[in-house]
């Protein structure tokens, strides 16, 4: 079912969690302002969402969160995407905005379930009818060894692509004899 909340909703801390249901602000035409805490879960949130300082986390591990309306992501807002496999909605998150997404703040990737992505795998993590702005911070370095996500923003989506940092090898010859010079080589190669 759908829970309808008055036309104005403000959250400064705590969590708003959807568990497969729907929340409508003012019948879907109101505004919810998140200045702290989290908006998370799977389901539909209808209305305008203003994220000034909260974390939006689709799913509780991996899932789909739909904002049926407009998203305005402020400088202090975070969108955190869990990635635990290559199947959207069951192994990695997706945030769908049916209206305009005004982007700012942080887009963060978080690996779950000990997942290590294969290089150059794409994950479409957001869709929107249209967008303005861009994220000021991309927090996409993962805990998997030498792995990060590049981010592509199109007019209607945000996609992560798994990448690998360039490998670095350092070889050096050292001696305790003070008259021996220290020599070494550094080589850097791009694994992609």
N, C-alpha and C. Protein backbone atom coordinates (compact mmCIF):
# COMPACT_ATOMS: atom_id res chain seq x y z
N UNK A 1 0.80 -1.18 0.00
CA UNK A 1 0.00 0.00 0.00
C UNK A 1 0.85 1.26 0.00
N UNK A 2 0.18 2.38 -0.03
CA UNK A 2 0.86 3.68 -0.06
C UNK A 2 0.54 4.44 1.22
N UNK A 3 1.57 4.97 1.85
CA UNK A 3 1.40 5.84 3.00
C UNK A 3 1.49 7.27 2.48
N UNK A 4 0.46 8.08 2.73
CA UNK A 4 0.46 9.47 2.27
C UNK A 4 0.77 10.37 3.46
N UNK A 5 1.81 11.19 3.31
CA UNK A 5 2.25 12.11 4.34
C UNK A 5 1.88 13.52 3.87
N UNK A 6 1.67 14.43 4.83
CA UNK A 6 1.31 15.81 4.49
C UNK A 6 2.22 16.37 3.41
N UNK A 7 1.87 17.52 2.89
CA UNK A 7 2.55 18.11 1.74
C UNK A 7 4.00 18.49 2.00
N UNK A 8 4.40 18.59 3.29
CA UNK A 8 5.78 18.94 3.61
C UNK A 8 6.31 17.93 4.62
N UNK A 9 7.50 17.38 4.35
CA UNK A 9 8.13 16.41 5.23
C UNK A 9 9.59 16.80 5.35
N UNK A 10 10.09 16.83 6.60
CA UNK A 10 11.49 17.17 6.83
C UNK A 10 12.12 16.11 7.72
N UNK A 11 13.28 15.62 7.32
CA UNK A 11 14.03 14.65 8.13
C UNK A 11 15.41 15.22 8.41
N UNK A 12 15.78 15.28 9.70
CA UNK A 12 17.10 15.79 10.09
C UNK A 12 18.01 14.69 10.61
N UNK A 13 17.49 13.50 10.83
CA UNK A 13 18.26 12.37 11.30
C UNK A 13 17.39 11.13 11.24
N UNK A 14 17.95 10.00 11.62
CA UNK A 14 17.19 8.75 11.59
C UNK A 14 17.08 8.19 10.19
N UNK A 15 16.12 7.31 9.99
CA UNK A 15 15.97 6.64 8.70
C UNK A 15 14.53 6.60 8.25
N UNK A 16 14.33 6.80 6.96
CA UNK A 16 13.07 6.51 6.30
C UNK A 16 13.35 5.30 5.43
N UNK A 17 12.65 4.19 5.73
CA UNK A 17 12.95 2.92 5.05
C UNK A 17 11.70 2.41 4.34
N UNK A 18 11.85 2.15 3.05
CA UNK A 18 10.78 1.52 2.27
C UNK A 18 11.08 0.03 2.19
N UNK A 19 10.05 -0.77 2.42
CA UNK A 19 10.22 -2.22 2.34
C UNK A 19 9.23 -2.78 1.32
N UNK A 20 9.39 -2.30 0.07
CA UNK A 20 8.53 -2.77 -1.01
C UNK A 20 7.25 -1.98 -1.17
N UNK A 21 6.99 -1.02 -0.31
CA UNK A 21 5.77 -0.24 -0.39
C UNK A 21 6.00 1.10 -1.05
N UNK A 22 5.15 2.07 -0.71
CA UNK A 22 5.24 3.39 -1.32
C UNK A 22 4.92 4.46 -0.28
N UNK A 23 5.60 5.58 -0.40
CA UNK A 23 5.34 6.77 0.40
C UNK A 23 5.06 7.90 -0.57
N UNK A 24 3.95 8.60 -0.34
CA UNK A 24 3.63 9.76 -1.17
C UNK A 24 3.61 10.99 -0.27
N UNK A 25 4.27 12.04 -0.70
CA UNK A 25 4.26 13.30 0.03
C UNK A 25 3.21 14.19 -0.62
N UNK A 26 2.18 14.54 0.14
CA UNK A 26 1.10 15.37 -0.40
C UNK A 26 0.47 14.79 -1.64
N UNK A 27 0.21 13.48 -1.62
CA UNK A 27 -0.39 12.83 -2.78
C UNK A 27 0.55 12.73 -3.98
N UNK A 28 1.85 12.98 -3.75
CA UNK A 28 2.85 12.91 -4.82
C UNK A 28 3.25 14.28 -5.35
N UNK A 29 2.60 15.34 -4.84
CA UNK A 29 2.94 16.69 -5.32
C UNK A 29 3.65 17.52 -4.25
N UNK A 30 3.93 16.93 -3.09
CA UNK A 30 4.60 17.63 -2.00
C UNK A 30 6.11 17.49 -2.07
N UNK A 31 6.78 18.04 -1.04
CA UNK A 31 8.24 18.03 -0.99
C UNK A 31 8.73 17.42 0.31
N UNK A 32 9.72 16.54 0.19
CA UNK A 32 10.40 15.96 1.34
C UNK A 32 11.84 16.45 1.34
N UNK A 33 12.26 17.06 2.45
CA UNK A 33 13.62 17.55 2.58
C UNK A 33 14.38 16.67 3.56
N UNK A 34 15.49 16.11 3.09
CA UNK A 34 16.33 15.25 3.92
C UNK A 34 17.63 16.00 4.21
N UNK A 35 17.80 16.39 5.49
CA UNK A 35 19.01 17.12 5.89
C UNK A 35 19.95 16.24 6.71
N UNK A 36 19.54 15.03 7.02
CA UNK A 36 20.37 14.10 7.76
C UNK A 36 19.75 12.72 7.72
N UNK A 37 20.48 11.73 8.20
CA UNK A 37 19.99 10.36 8.24
C UNK A 37 20.01 9.71 6.88
N UNK A 38 19.08 8.76 6.66
CA UNK A 38 19.04 8.02 5.40
C UNK A 38 17.63 7.90 4.86
N UNK A 39 17.54 7.83 3.55
CA UNK A 39 16.35 7.38 2.83
C UNK A 39 16.81 6.12 2.13
N UNK A 40 16.23 4.98 2.50
CA UNK A 40 16.71 3.73 1.94
C UNK A 40 15.59 2.74 1.75
N UNK A 41 15.94 1.67 1.04
CA UNK A 41 15.02 0.57 0.84
C UNK A 41 14.60 0.43 -0.60
N UNK A 42 13.65 -0.47 -0.80
CA UNK A 42 13.10 -0.73 -2.13
C UNK A 42 11.63 -0.36 -2.12
N UNK A 43 11.23 0.38 -3.14
CA UNK A 43 9.85 0.83 -3.24
C UNK A 43 9.81 2.16 -3.98
N UNK A 44 8.70 2.89 -3.80
CA UNK A 44 8.49 4.14 -4.53
C UNK A 44 8.24 5.28 -3.55
N UNK A 45 8.95 6.36 -3.75
CA UNK A 45 8.78 7.58 -2.98
C UNK A 45 8.25 8.63 -3.94
N UNK A 46 7.00 9.08 -3.76
CA UNK A 46 6.37 10.01 -4.70
C UNK A 46 6.41 11.43 -4.17
N UNK A 47 6.88 12.34 -5.02
CA UNK A 47 6.98 13.75 -4.66
C UNK A 47 8.37 14.26 -5.02
N UNK A 48 8.64 15.48 -4.60
CA UNK A 48 9.97 16.06 -4.80
C UNK A 48 10.84 15.71 -3.61
N UNK A 49 12.03 15.19 -3.88
CA UNK A 49 12.99 14.87 -2.83
C UNK A 49 14.15 15.85 -2.92
N UNK A 50 14.39 16.56 -1.81
CA UNK A 50 15.52 17.47 -1.70
C UNK A 50 16.48 16.84 -0.70
N UNK A 51 17.67 16.48 -1.16
CA UNK A 51 18.66 15.82 -0.30
C UNK A 51 19.80 16.80 -0.03
N UNK A 52 19.75 17.45 1.13
CA UNK A 52 20.78 18.43 1.49
C UNK A 52 21.90 17.86 2.36
N UNK A 53 21.66 16.71 2.99
CA UNK A 53 22.70 16.20 3.89
C UNK A 53 22.45 14.79 4.34
N UNK A 54 21.59 14.07 3.69
CA UNK A 54 21.29 12.68 4.03
C UNK A 54 21.99 11.75 3.04
N UNK A 55 21.84 10.45 3.30
CA UNK A 55 22.34 9.43 2.37
C UNK A 55 21.15 8.69 1.79
N UNK A 56 21.07 8.67 0.47
CA UNK A 56 20.04 7.89 -0.22
C UNK A 56 20.68 6.56 -0.60
N UNK A 57 20.07 5.46 -0.12
CA UNK A 57 20.62 4.12 -0.34
C UNK A 57 19.51 3.21 -0.88
N UNK A 58 19.48 3.01 -2.21
CA UNK A 58 18.48 2.07 -2.75
C UNK A 58 18.68 0.69 -2.14
N UNK A 59 17.59 0.00 -1.86
CA UNK A 59 17.66 -1.34 -1.29
C UNK A 59 18.13 -1.31 0.15
N UNK A 60 18.11 -2.48 0.78
CA UNK A 60 18.73 -2.62 2.09
C UNK A 60 20.07 -3.31 1.94
N UNK A 61 20.24 -4.09 0.92
CA UNK A 61 21.55 -4.56 0.44
C UNK A 61 21.65 -4.13 -1.01
N UNK A 62 20.90 -4.77 -1.89
CA UNK A 62 20.84 -4.33 -3.29
C UNK A 62 19.37 -4.27 -3.66
N UNK A 63 18.98 -3.24 -4.40
CA UNK A 63 17.57 -3.13 -4.75
C UNK A 63 17.27 -1.91 -5.59
N UNK A 64 15.98 -1.63 -5.76
CA UNK A 64 15.50 -0.54 -6.60
C UNK A 64 14.72 0.44 -5.73
N UNK A 65 15.12 1.69 -5.78
CA UNK A 65 14.37 2.77 -5.15
C UNK A 65 13.95 3.72 -6.26
N UNK A 66 12.65 3.99 -6.33
CA UNK A 66 12.12 4.89 -7.35
C UNK A 66 11.64 6.17 -6.68
N UNK A 67 12.10 7.30 -7.20
CA UNK A 67 11.57 8.59 -6.81
C UNK A 67 10.65 9.01 -7.95
N UNK A 68 9.34 8.92 -7.69
CA UNK A 68 8.35 9.30 -8.70
C UNK A 68 8.14 10.80 -8.57
N UNK A 69 9.04 11.53 -9.20
CA UNK A 69 9.03 12.98 -9.10
C UNK A 69 10.40 13.54 -9.39
N UNK A 70 10.77 14.57 -8.66
CA UNK A 70 12.00 15.31 -8.89
C UNK A 70 12.98 15.02 -7.77
N UNK A 71 14.28 14.92 -8.11
CA UNK A 71 15.34 14.80 -7.11
C UNK A 71 16.24 16.02 -7.23
N UNK A 72 16.43 16.72 -6.10
CA UNK A 72 17.41 17.80 -6.03
C UNK A 72 18.45 17.37 -5.01
N UNK A 73 19.64 17.06 -5.51
CA UNK A 73 20.75 16.58 -4.68
C UNK A 73 21.64 17.76 -4.36
N UNK A 74 21.66 18.18 -3.08
CA UNK A 74 22.48 19.31 -2.66
C UNK A 74 23.93 18.91 -2.44
N UNK A 75 24.77 19.89 -2.16
CA UNK A 75 26.21 19.66 -1.99
C UNK A 75 26.52 18.69 -0.86
N UNK A 76 25.69 18.64 0.18
CA UNK A 76 25.93 17.75 1.31
C UNK A 76 25.27 16.39 1.19
N UNK A 77 24.54 16.16 0.12
CA UNK A 77 23.83 14.89 -0.07
C UNK A 77 24.72 13.80 -0.62
N UNK A 78 24.40 12.56 -0.26
CA UNK A 78 25.15 11.39 -0.73
C UNK A 78 24.17 10.39 -1.33
N UNK A 79 24.51 9.83 -2.46
CA UNK A 79 23.80 8.68 -3.02
C UNK A 79 24.79 7.53 -2.97
N UNK A 80 24.43 6.47 -2.23
CA UNK A 80 25.33 5.33 -2.04
C UNK A 80 24.76 4.11 -2.74
N UNK A 81 25.56 3.55 -3.63
CA UNK A 81 25.15 2.41 -4.45
C UNK A 81 25.92 1.17 -4.03
N UNK A 82 25.19 0.12 -3.60
CA UNK A 82 25.81 -1.17 -3.26
C UNK A 82 25.97 -2.00 -4.53
N UNK A 83 27.15 -2.61 -4.67
CA UNK A 83 27.42 -3.48 -5.82
C UNK A 83 27.96 -4.80 -5.30
N UNK A 84 27.18 -5.87 -5.52
CA UNK A 84 27.57 -7.19 -5.05
C UNK A 84 27.48 -8.25 -6.13
N UNK A 85 27.38 -7.83 -7.39
CA UNK A 85 27.27 -8.75 -8.51
C UNK A 85 26.87 -7.96 -9.74
N UNK A 86 26.59 -8.66 -10.83
CA UNK A 86 26.34 -7.99 -12.11
C UNK A 86 24.86 -7.90 -12.49
N UNK A 87 23.95 -8.37 -11.64
CA UNK A 87 22.53 -8.33 -11.94
C UNK A 87 21.87 -7.16 -11.21
N UNK A 88 21.33 -6.23 -11.99
CA UNK A 88 20.68 -5.06 -11.40
C UNK A 88 19.50 -5.49 -10.54
N UNK A 89 19.29 -4.75 -9.46
CA UNK A 89 18.17 -4.87 -8.54
C UNK A 89 18.29 -6.01 -7.54
N UNK A 90 18.97 -7.09 -7.88
CA UNK A 90 19.16 -8.18 -6.91
C UNK A 90 20.61 -8.26 -6.43
N UNK A 91 21.56 -7.79 -7.27
CA UNK A 91 22.97 -7.83 -6.87
C UNK A 91 23.60 -6.43 -6.83
N UNK A 92 23.00 -5.47 -7.49
CA UNK A 92 23.44 -4.09 -7.32
C UNK A 92 22.26 -3.13 -7.42
N UNK A 93 22.44 -1.99 -6.77
CA UNK A 93 21.38 -1.00 -6.63
C UNK A 93 21.11 -0.21 -7.90
N UNK A 94 19.88 0.31 -7.96
CA UNK A 94 19.54 1.29 -8.98
C UNK A 94 18.59 2.30 -8.36
N UNK A 95 18.84 3.57 -8.63
CA UNK A 95 17.96 4.66 -8.23
C UNK A 95 17.31 5.20 -9.50
N UNK A 96 15.98 5.19 -9.54
CA UNK A 96 15.23 5.68 -10.70
C UNK A 96 14.52 6.96 -10.28
N UNK A 97 14.71 8.02 -11.07
CA UNK A 97 14.02 9.29 -10.85
C UNK A 97 13.17 9.52 -12.10
N UNK A 98 11.85 9.59 -11.92
CA UNK A 98 10.97 9.71 -13.09
C UNK A 98 10.93 11.13 -13.65
N UNK A 99 11.40 12.10 -12.88
CA UNK A 99 11.45 13.49 -13.33
C UNK A 99 12.88 13.96 -13.50
N UNK A 100 13.09 15.23 -13.27
CA UNK A 100 14.42 15.84 -13.41
C UNK A 100 15.26 15.52 -12.19
N UNK A 101 16.51 15.15 -12.41
CA UNK A 101 17.48 14.97 -11.33
C UNK A 101 18.48 16.12 -11.40
N UNK A 102 18.49 16.96 -10.37
CA UNK A 102 19.49 18.01 -10.26
C UNK A 102 20.61 17.45 -9.40
N UNK A 103 21.78 17.27 -10.01
CA UNK A 103 22.86 16.53 -9.37
C UNK A 103 23.90 17.45 -8.74
N UNK A 104 24.39 17.04 -7.57
CA UNK A 104 25.46 17.69 -6.83
C UNK A 104 25.84 16.69 -5.74
N UNK A 105 26.69 17.08 -4.84
CA UNK A 105 27.02 16.20 -3.73
C UNK A 105 27.85 15.01 -4.17
N UNK A 106 27.67 13.89 -3.47
CA UNK A 106 28.53 12.71 -3.64
C UNK A 106 27.75 11.54 -4.22
N UNK A 107 28.37 10.87 -5.19
CA UNK A 107 27.91 9.57 -5.67
C UNK A 107 28.96 8.57 -5.22
N UNK A 108 28.53 7.59 -4.40
CA UNK A 108 29.47 6.65 -3.78
C UNK A 108 29.17 5.22 -4.21
N UNK A 109 30.23 4.47 -4.52
CA UNK A 109 30.11 3.03 -4.80
C UNK A 109 30.58 2.27 -3.58
N UNK A 110 29.86 1.21 -3.22
CA UNK A 110 30.23 0.38 -2.08
C UNK A 110 30.09 -1.09 -2.49
N UNK A 111 31.20 -1.82 -2.43
CA UNK A 111 31.13 -3.25 -2.75
C UNK A 111 30.56 -4.02 -1.57
N UNK A 112 29.71 -5.01 -1.86
CA UNK A 112 29.13 -5.86 -0.83
C UNK A 112 29.34 -7.32 -1.22
N UNK A 113 29.13 -8.22 -0.28
CA UNK A 113 29.19 -9.67 -0.52
C UNK A 113 30.54 -10.13 -1.08
N UNK A 114 31.62 -9.44 -0.71
CA UNK A 114 32.99 -9.80 -1.15
C UNK A 114 33.13 -9.80 -2.67
N UNK A 115 32.28 -9.06 -3.36
CA UNK A 115 32.30 -9.03 -4.82
C UNK A 115 33.53 -8.27 -5.33
N UNK A 116 34.19 -8.86 -6.33
CA UNK A 116 35.29 -8.20 -7.03
C UNK A 116 34.89 -8.16 -8.51
N UNK A 117 34.61 -6.96 -9.03
CA UNK A 117 34.12 -6.88 -10.42
C UNK A 117 35.20 -7.19 -11.45
N UNK A 118 34.77 -7.80 -12.56
CA UNK A 118 35.64 -8.02 -13.71
C UNK A 118 35.85 -6.66 -14.37
N UNK A 119 37.05 -6.42 -14.86
CA UNK A 119 37.36 -5.13 -15.48
C UNK A 119 36.41 -4.83 -16.64
N UNK A 120 36.07 -3.55 -16.76
CA UNK A 120 35.24 -3.02 -17.83
C UNK A 120 33.81 -3.55 -17.83
N UNK A 121 33.31 -3.90 -16.65
CA UNK A 121 31.90 -4.28 -16.51
C UNK A 121 31.09 -3.02 -16.19
N UNK A 122 29.98 -2.83 -16.89
CA UNK A 122 29.12 -1.66 -16.68
C UNK A 122 27.99 -1.98 -15.71
N UNK A 123 27.67 -0.98 -14.87
CA UNK A 123 26.58 -1.06 -13.91
C UNK A 123 25.77 0.22 -14.04
N UNK A 124 24.57 0.15 -14.63
CA UNK A 124 23.72 1.34 -14.73
C UNK A 124 23.06 1.52 -13.37
N UNK A 125 23.52 2.54 -12.62
CA UNK A 125 23.12 2.69 -11.23
C UNK A 125 22.03 3.75 -11.02
N UNK A 126 21.82 4.62 -11.99
CA UNK A 126 20.76 5.62 -11.91
C UNK A 126 20.14 5.85 -13.27
N UNK A 127 18.84 6.10 -13.28
CA UNK A 127 18.18 6.60 -14.48
C UNK A 127 17.31 7.78 -14.06
N UNK A 128 17.08 8.71 -15.00
CA UNK A 128 16.27 9.89 -14.75
C UNK A 128 15.72 10.36 -16.08
N UNK A 129 14.60 11.11 -16.01
CA UNK A 129 14.00 11.63 -17.24
C UNK A 129 14.94 12.63 -17.91
N UNK A 130 15.59 13.45 -17.10
CA UNK A 130 16.61 14.39 -17.58
C UNK A 130 17.42 14.82 -16.36
N UNK A 131 18.52 15.53 -16.61
CA UNK A 131 19.36 15.95 -15.49
C UNK A 131 19.89 17.34 -15.72
N UNK A 132 20.27 17.96 -14.62
CA UNK A 132 21.07 19.17 -14.67
C UNK A 132 22.15 19.01 -13.62
N UNK A 133 23.27 19.70 -13.81
CA UNK A 133 24.38 19.60 -12.86
C UNK A 133 25.15 18.31 -12.99
N UNK A 134 26.05 18.12 -12.05
CA UNK A 134 26.85 16.91 -11.99
C UNK A 134 27.26 16.69 -10.54
N UNK A 135 27.73 15.52 -10.22
CA UNK A 135 28.16 15.25 -8.85
C UNK A 135 29.48 15.99 -8.60
N UNK A 136 29.59 16.60 -7.42
CA UNK A 136 30.84 17.30 -7.09
C UNK A 136 31.89 16.33 -6.61
N UNK A 137 31.47 15.17 -6.08
CA UNK A 137 32.42 14.17 -5.59
C UNK A 137 31.99 12.79 -6.07
N UNK A 138 32.94 12.06 -6.63
CA UNK A 138 32.72 10.66 -7.00
C UNK A 138 33.60 9.82 -6.08
N UNK A 139 32.96 9.13 -5.16
CA UNK A 139 33.66 8.28 -4.19
C UNK A 139 33.54 6.85 -4.69
N UNK A 140 34.41 6.49 -5.64
CA UNK A 140 34.23 5.22 -6.34
C UNK A 140 35.44 4.30 -6.25
N UNK A 141 36.35 4.58 -5.33
CA UNK A 141 37.45 3.66 -5.07
C UNK A 141 36.92 2.59 -4.14
N UNK A 142 37.16 1.34 -4.46
CA UNK A 142 36.57 0.25 -3.70
C UNK A 142 37.59 -0.42 -2.80
N UNK A 143 37.10 -1.31 -1.97
CA UNK A 143 37.97 -2.07 -1.09
C UNK A 143 38.65 -3.23 -1.82
N UNK A 144 38.18 -3.56 -3.01
CA UNK A 144 38.82 -4.62 -3.80
C UNK A 144 40.17 -4.09 -4.30
N UNK A 145 41.16 -4.90 -4.24
CA UNK A 145 42.53 -4.51 -4.57
C UNK A 145 42.62 -3.83 -5.93
N UNK A 146 43.08 -2.59 -5.93
CA UNK A 146 43.36 -1.80 -7.13
C UNK A 146 42.15 -1.62 -8.05
N UNK A 147 40.94 -1.60 -7.49
CA UNK A 147 39.74 -1.46 -8.30
C UNK A 147 39.01 -0.16 -7.99
N UNK A 148 38.50 0.47 -9.02
CA UNK A 148 37.66 1.65 -8.84
C UNK A 148 36.61 1.64 -9.96
N UNK A 149 35.67 2.58 -9.88
CA UNK A 149 34.65 2.70 -10.92
C UNK A 149 34.78 4.06 -11.59
N UNK A 150 34.87 4.06 -12.90
CA UNK A 150 34.73 5.32 -13.63
C UNK A 150 33.23 5.57 -13.74
N UNK A 151 32.85 6.83 -13.86
CA UNK A 151 31.44 7.17 -13.90
C UNK A 151 31.13 7.93 -15.17
N UNK A 152 30.10 7.48 -15.88
CA UNK A 152 29.63 8.16 -17.08
C UNK A 152 28.23 8.68 -16.81
N UNK A 153 28.05 9.98 -17.00
CA UNK A 153 26.72 10.58 -16.89
C UNK A 153 26.23 10.92 -18.29
N UNK A 154 25.09 10.34 -18.66
CA UNK A 154 24.45 10.71 -19.92
C UNK A 154 23.28 11.63 -19.59
N UNK A 155 22.49 11.97 -20.57
CA UNK A 155 21.33 12.83 -20.34
C UNK A 155 20.27 12.14 -19.48
N UNK A 156 20.30 10.79 -19.44
CA UNK A 156 19.24 10.07 -18.73
C UNK A 156 19.74 8.96 -17.79
N UNK A 157 21.06 8.87 -17.57
CA UNK A 157 21.53 7.79 -16.68
C UNK A 157 22.94 8.07 -16.14
N UNK A 158 23.26 7.32 -15.09
CA UNK A 158 24.61 7.29 -14.53
C UNK A 158 25.06 5.83 -14.53
N UNK A 159 26.24 5.58 -15.06
CA UNK A 159 26.76 4.23 -15.18
C UNK A 159 28.16 4.16 -14.61
N UNK A 160 28.39 3.15 -13.76
CA UNK A 160 29.74 2.84 -13.28
C UNK A 160 30.37 1.83 -14.22
N UNK A 161 31.67 1.95 -14.45
CA UNK A 161 32.44 0.94 -15.18
C UNK A 161 33.62 0.55 -14.31
N UNK A 162 33.78 -0.75 -14.07
CA UNK A 162 34.88 -1.21 -13.22
C UNK A 162 36.20 -1.03 -13.95
N UNK A 163 37.16 -0.51 -13.22
CA UNK A 163 38.50 -0.22 -13.76
C UNK A 163 39.55 -0.71 -12.78
N UNK A 164 40.78 -0.70 -13.23
CA UNK A 164 41.89 -1.08 -12.38
C UNK A 164 42.92 0.04 -12.39
N UNK A 165 43.46 0.33 -11.22
CA UNK A 165 44.53 1.32 -11.18
C UNK A 165 45.74 0.78 -11.94
N UNK A 166 46.54 1.67 -12.52
CA UNK A 166 47.76 1.20 -13.18
C UNK A 166 48.64 0.47 -12.18
N UNK A 167 49.30 -0.58 -12.66
CA UNK A 167 50.22 -1.29 -11.77
C UNK A 167 51.56 -0.57 -11.74
N UNK A 168 52.21 -0.66 -10.61
CA UNK A 168 53.50 0.00 -10.43
C UNK A 168 54.47 -1.04 -9.91
N UNK A 169 55.62 -1.13 -10.54
CA UNK A 169 56.66 -2.01 -10.00
C UNK A 169 57.92 -1.19 -9.80
N UNK A 170 58.56 -1.42 -8.69
CA UNK A 170 59.78 -0.69 -8.37
C UNK A 170 60.86 -1.72 -8.08
N UNK A 171 61.97 -1.57 -8.77
CA UNK A 171 63.12 -2.44 -8.53
C UNK A 171 64.29 -1.55 -8.17
N UNK A 172 65.03 -1.95 -7.16
CA UNK A 172 66.15 -1.13 -6.72
C UNK A 172 67.28 -2.03 -6.25
N UNK A 173 68.48 -1.54 -6.43
CA UNK A 173 69.66 -2.23 -5.92
C UNK A 173 70.23 -1.36 -4.81
N UNK A 174 70.37 -1.93 -3.63
CA UNK A 174 70.88 -1.18 -2.50
C UNK A 174 72.12 -1.87 -1.95
N UNK A 175 72.99 -1.09 -1.39
CA UNK A 175 74.19 -1.64 -0.79
C UNK A 175 74.48 -0.88 0.49
N UNK A 176 75.09 -1.57 1.45
CA UNK A 176 75.45 -0.89 2.69
C UNK A 176 76.78 -0.16 2.54
N UNK A 177 77.49 -0.40 1.46
CA UNK A 177 78.75 0.29 1.21
C UNK A 177 78.43 1.72 0.78
N UNK A 178 78.90 2.68 1.52
CA UNK A 178 78.55 4.08 1.28
C UNK A 178 78.98 4.60 -0.08
N UNK A 179 79.95 3.95 -0.71
CA UNK A 179 80.41 4.44 -2.01
C UNK A 179 79.59 3.89 -3.18
N UNK A 180 78.66 2.99 -2.91
CA UNK A 180 77.84 2.42 -3.97
C UNK A 180 76.61 3.29 -4.18
N UNK A 181 76.34 3.63 -5.40
CA UNK A 181 75.16 4.44 -5.72
C UNK A 181 73.91 3.57 -5.68
N UNK A 182 72.81 4.17 -5.36
CA UNK A 182 71.53 3.48 -5.36
C UNK A 182 70.94 3.62 -6.77
N UNK A 183 70.53 2.51 -7.34
CA UNK A 183 69.94 2.54 -8.67
C UNK A 183 68.55 1.90 -8.59
N UNK A 184 67.73 2.25 -9.54
CA UNK A 184 66.40 1.65 -9.54
C UNK A 184 65.64 1.99 -10.80
N UNK A 185 64.57 1.27 -11.00
CA UNK A 185 63.69 1.55 -12.13
C UNK A 185 62.26 1.55 -11.63
N UNK A 186 61.47 2.35 -12.26
CA UNK A 186 60.04 2.39 -11.97
C UNK A 186 59.32 2.21 -13.28
N UNK A 187 58.38 1.28 -13.29
CA UNK A 187 57.58 1.11 -14.50
C UNK A 187 56.11 1.19 -14.13
N UNK A 188 55.36 1.89 -14.94
CA UNK A 188 53.92 2.03 -14.72
C UNK A 188 53.21 1.57 -15.98
N UNK A 189 52.23 0.72 -15.80
CA UNK A 189 51.46 0.26 -16.95
C UNK A 189 49.98 0.34 -16.63
N UNK A 190 49.19 0.63 -17.62
CA UNK A 190 47.75 0.71 -17.46
C UNK A 190 47.16 -0.66 -17.72
N UNK A 191 46.48 -1.22 -16.72
CA UNK A 191 45.94 -2.58 -16.84
C UNK A 191 44.77 -2.66 -17.81
N UNK A 192 44.17 -1.52 -18.15
CA UNK A 192 43.06 -1.54 -19.09
C UNK A 192 43.60 -1.59 -20.48
